[in-house]
Protein backbone atom coordinates (compact mmCIF):
# COMPACT_ATOMS: atom_id res chain seq x y z
CA MET A 1 -194.18 202.08 11.33
CA GLU A 2 -197.32 202.22 9.30
CA ASP A 3 -198.88 199.08 9.95
CA LEU A 4 -198.94 195.99 12.30
CA SER A 5 -197.09 193.63 9.61
CA LEU A 6 -193.92 196.08 10.08
CA HIS A 7 -194.09 195.70 13.90
CA MET A 8 -194.34 192.08 13.47
CA LEU A 9 -191.67 191.80 10.88
CA ASP A 10 -189.26 193.97 13.23
CA ILE A 11 -190.04 191.77 16.07
CA MET A 12 -189.07 188.35 14.21
CA GLU A 13 -185.81 190.02 13.41
CA ASN A 14 -185.42 190.49 16.94
CA SER A 15 -185.83 186.75 17.40
CA LEU A 16 -183.68 186.37 14.69
CA ASP A 17 -180.92 188.27 16.45
CA ALA A 18 -181.67 186.00 19.71
CA ARG A 19 -180.75 182.93 17.88
CA ALA A 20 -184.43 181.75 17.47
CA ARG A 21 -184.76 178.64 15.39
CA ARG A 22 -188.90 178.60 15.43
CA ILE A 23 -191.09 181.96 15.72
CA GLU A 24 -194.56 181.78 15.88
CA VAL A 25 -196.85 184.55 15.20
CA ARG A 26 -200.49 184.90 16.38
CA ILE A 27 -203.28 187.40 15.31
CA ASP A 28 -206.43 186.82 17.39
CA GLU A 29 -209.35 189.10 15.66
CA ASP A 30 -212.27 189.21 18.64
CA SER A 31 -214.64 191.96 16.61
CA PRO A 32 -217.72 191.83 19.62
CA ALA A 33 -214.63 192.33 22.28
CA ASP A 34 -213.24 195.06 20.21
CA ARG A 35 -209.87 193.54 20.39
CA LEU A 36 -207.05 192.35 18.24
CA ILE A 37 -204.15 190.64 19.77
CA LEU A 38 -200.71 190.01 18.18
CA GLU A 39 -198.48 187.53 19.87
CA ILE A 40 -195.05 186.41 18.63
CA ARG A 41 -193.02 183.80 20.69
CA ASP A 42 -189.70 182.55 19.78
CA ASP A 43 -187.15 179.83 21.10
CA GLY A 44 -184.37 182.37 21.16
CA ASN A 45 -181.88 183.15 23.84
CA GLY A 46 -184.28 185.01 25.80
CA MET A 47 -183.52 187.97 28.32
CA ASP A 48 -182.58 188.34 31.72
CA ALA A 49 -184.54 190.78 34.05
CA ARG A 50 -182.77 193.74 33.48
CA THR A 51 -182.78 193.28 29.88
CA LEU A 52 -186.51 192.72 29.69
CA GLU A 53 -187.16 195.70 32.29
CA GLN A 54 -185.55 197.89 29.45
CA ALA A 55 -186.73 196.37 26.50
CA SER A 56 -189.45 198.62 25.86
CA ASN A 57 -187.05 201.64 26.11
CA PRO A 58 -186.43 203.70 23.07
CA PHE A 59 -183.00 204.45 24.33
CA PHE A 60 -181.87 200.67 24.98
CA THR A 61 -180.85 198.30 22.85
CA THR A 62 -178.49 195.06 22.80
CA ARG A 63 -177.89 195.68 19.43
CA THR A 64 -174.10 197.23 18.29
CA THR A 65 -175.26 198.62 15.33
CA ARG A 66 -177.10 201.45 16.75
CA LYS A 67 -178.01 203.24 19.75
CA PHE A 68 -181.78 202.85 19.80
CA GLY A 69 -184.49 200.46 20.29
CA LEU A 70 -187.29 201.64 18.64
CA GLY A 71 -188.98 198.48 17.48
CA LEU A 72 -190.68 197.33 20.89
CA SER A 73 -191.32 201.03 22.10
CA MET A 74 -192.95 201.87 18.98
CA LEU A 75 -195.55 198.67 19.42
CA ALA A 76 -195.93 199.45 22.52
CA GLU A 77 -197.37 203.26 21.58
CA SER A 78 -199.15 201.95 18.89
CA ALA A 79 -201.15 199.55 21.17
CA LYS A 80 -201.12 201.95 23.94
CA ALA A 81 -202.77 204.66 21.41
CA THR A 82 -206.06 202.55 20.86
CA GLY A 83 -206.31 201.72 24.85
CA GLY A 84 -204.28 198.47 24.32
CA VAL A 85 -201.23 197.45 25.91
CA LEU A 86 -197.80 195.63 25.22
CA THR A 87 -196.59 192.65 27.63
CA ILE A 88 -193.00 191.04 27.20
CA ASP A 89 -192.65 187.68 29.05
CA SER A 90 -188.79 186.24 28.77
CA ALA A 91 -186.18 184.67 30.67
CA PRO A 92 -182.80 183.35 29.51
CA GLY A 93 -182.82 180.01 27.81
CA ARG A 94 -186.96 180.30 27.77
CA GLY A 95 -187.42 182.59 24.73
CA THR A 96 -189.55 185.90 24.33
CA ARG A 97 -193.04 186.21 23.76
CA VAL A 98 -194.36 189.49 22.96
CA LYS A 99 -198.05 190.30 23.10
CA ALA A 100 -199.77 193.48 21.82
CA THR A 101 -203.42 194.21 22.19
CA PHE A 102 -205.36 196.40 20.37
CA ARG A 103 -208.74 198.35 20.23
CA PRO A 104 -209.73 197.90 16.59
CA SER A 105 -212.53 200.54 16.55
CA HIS A 106 -210.25 203.13 17.76
CA ILE A 107 -209.36 205.74 15.32
CA ASP A 108 -205.63 205.51 16.06
CA MET A 109 -205.80 201.84 15.10
CA LYS A 110 -203.23 201.01 12.39
CA PRO A 111 -203.78 198.61 9.61
CA LEU A 112 -202.82 194.88 9.68
CA GLY A 113 -200.92 195.53 6.27
CA ASP A 114 -199.52 192.81 4.03
CA ILE A 115 -199.39 189.80 6.29
CA PRO A 116 -198.58 187.53 3.43
CA GLN A 117 -195.36 189.97 2.09
CA THR A 118 -194.27 190.29 5.62
CA LEU A 119 -193.93 186.18 6.02
CA LEU A 120 -192.37 186.01 2.92
CA THR A 121 -189.79 188.76 3.70
CA LEU A 122 -188.84 186.58 6.69
CA LEU A 123 -188.85 183.35 4.76
CA ALA A 124 -186.96 184.73 2.05
CA GLY A 125 -184.19 185.92 3.90
CA HIS A 126 -184.08 183.06 6.41
CA PRO A 127 -185.08 179.90 4.84
CA GLU A 128 -183.65 178.21 7.78
CA ILE A 129 -186.12 179.18 10.19
CA GLU A 130 -189.14 177.56 11.33
CA LEU A 131 -192.03 179.86 11.02
CA ARG A 132 -195.98 179.50 12.47
CA TYR A 133 -198.59 181.92 11.57
CA GLU A 134 -201.84 181.34 13.00
CA HIS A 135 -204.62 184.17 12.45
CA VAL A 136 -208.16 183.51 14.36
CA THR A 137 -211.48 185.46 13.36
CA GLY A 138 -214.27 184.25 16.19
CA GLU A 139 -214.50 180.53 15.40
CA ASP A 140 -212.60 180.39 12.39
CA SER A 141 -208.64 180.22 11.80
CA PHE A 142 -206.10 179.94 9.19
CA SER A 143 -202.46 178.41 10.29
CA PHE A 144 -199.30 178.06 8.03
CA ASP A 145 -196.30 176.00 9.63
CA THR A 146 -193.01 175.69 7.46
CA ARG A 147 -192.61 172.25 8.62
CA GLU A 148 -195.23 171.11 6.72
CA ILE A 149 -193.15 172.18 3.69
CA ARG A 150 -190.38 169.27 3.68
CA GLY A 151 -187.74 171.95 3.15
CA GLY A 152 -187.15 174.79 0.34
CA HIS A 153 -189.31 177.36 1.66
CA GLY A 154 -186.44 179.57 0.29
CA SER A 155 -186.81 179.01 -3.19
CA PRO A 156 -188.78 181.50 -5.33
CA GLU A 157 -190.96 178.85 -6.78
CA VAL A 158 -191.93 177.57 -3.18
CA LEU A 159 -192.33 180.79 -2.21
CA ARG A 160 -194.72 181.97 -4.82
CA LEU A 161 -196.88 178.83 -3.82
CA VAL A 162 -196.46 180.01 -0.03
CA GLU A 163 -197.65 183.50 -0.99
CA ALA A 164 -200.57 182.42 -2.60
CA HIS A 165 -201.44 179.77 -0.04
CA LEU A 166 -201.40 182.52 2.51
CA ARG A 167 -203.46 184.99 0.27
CA GLU A 168 -205.92 182.52 -0.39
CA GLY A 169 -206.29 181.56 2.94
CA LEU A 170 -206.33 184.72 4.61
CA ALA A 171 -208.96 186.31 2.15
CA ALA A 172 -211.04 183.00 2.77
CA LEU A 173 -210.80 183.79 6.46
CA THR A 174 -211.26 187.50 6.84
CA GLY A 175 -213.01 188.51 3.71
CA ARG A 176 -210.10 190.95 2.78
CA THR A 177 -208.59 191.03 -0.68
CA LYS A 178 -205.97 188.27 -1.68
CA THR A 179 -203.36 190.74 -3.39
CA PRO A 180 -201.96 194.14 -1.54
């Protein structure tokens, strides 16, 4: 995958496959420490110890539609390539937490990608999901929570407003451009 937003989408789709109703995504950029943390939590089914042990193996998947489970293994490799690490915490009935730590100054660091578009893709395809996104840079942060939208976040009009809100909020936070 060419950027971290695509990894995010893959992990969030895994959460949906695990029957999550709520997904929380947090990106924490700590420039002085040369660290970026991507964390995704869900309230899905969770994994038993055997599944958790195999979760980042590219030749293991619980899906019946394919024989490979490349998502977590590719995220682990992306983190490792920068001197970072991937950890997964999960238990049946407790949901799952995937946390990838990266060293942004490393030459192999992938770009964040189009975070607003990634979140909109999830919301457009799964308007029933509760999604919370938080992005932290030092002392500043930006957050978005679908619970603050009283329903309707699957409609095109609301999605356009959500996209504008995400792009403006992230641009103000990171100084990066509002458009892809």
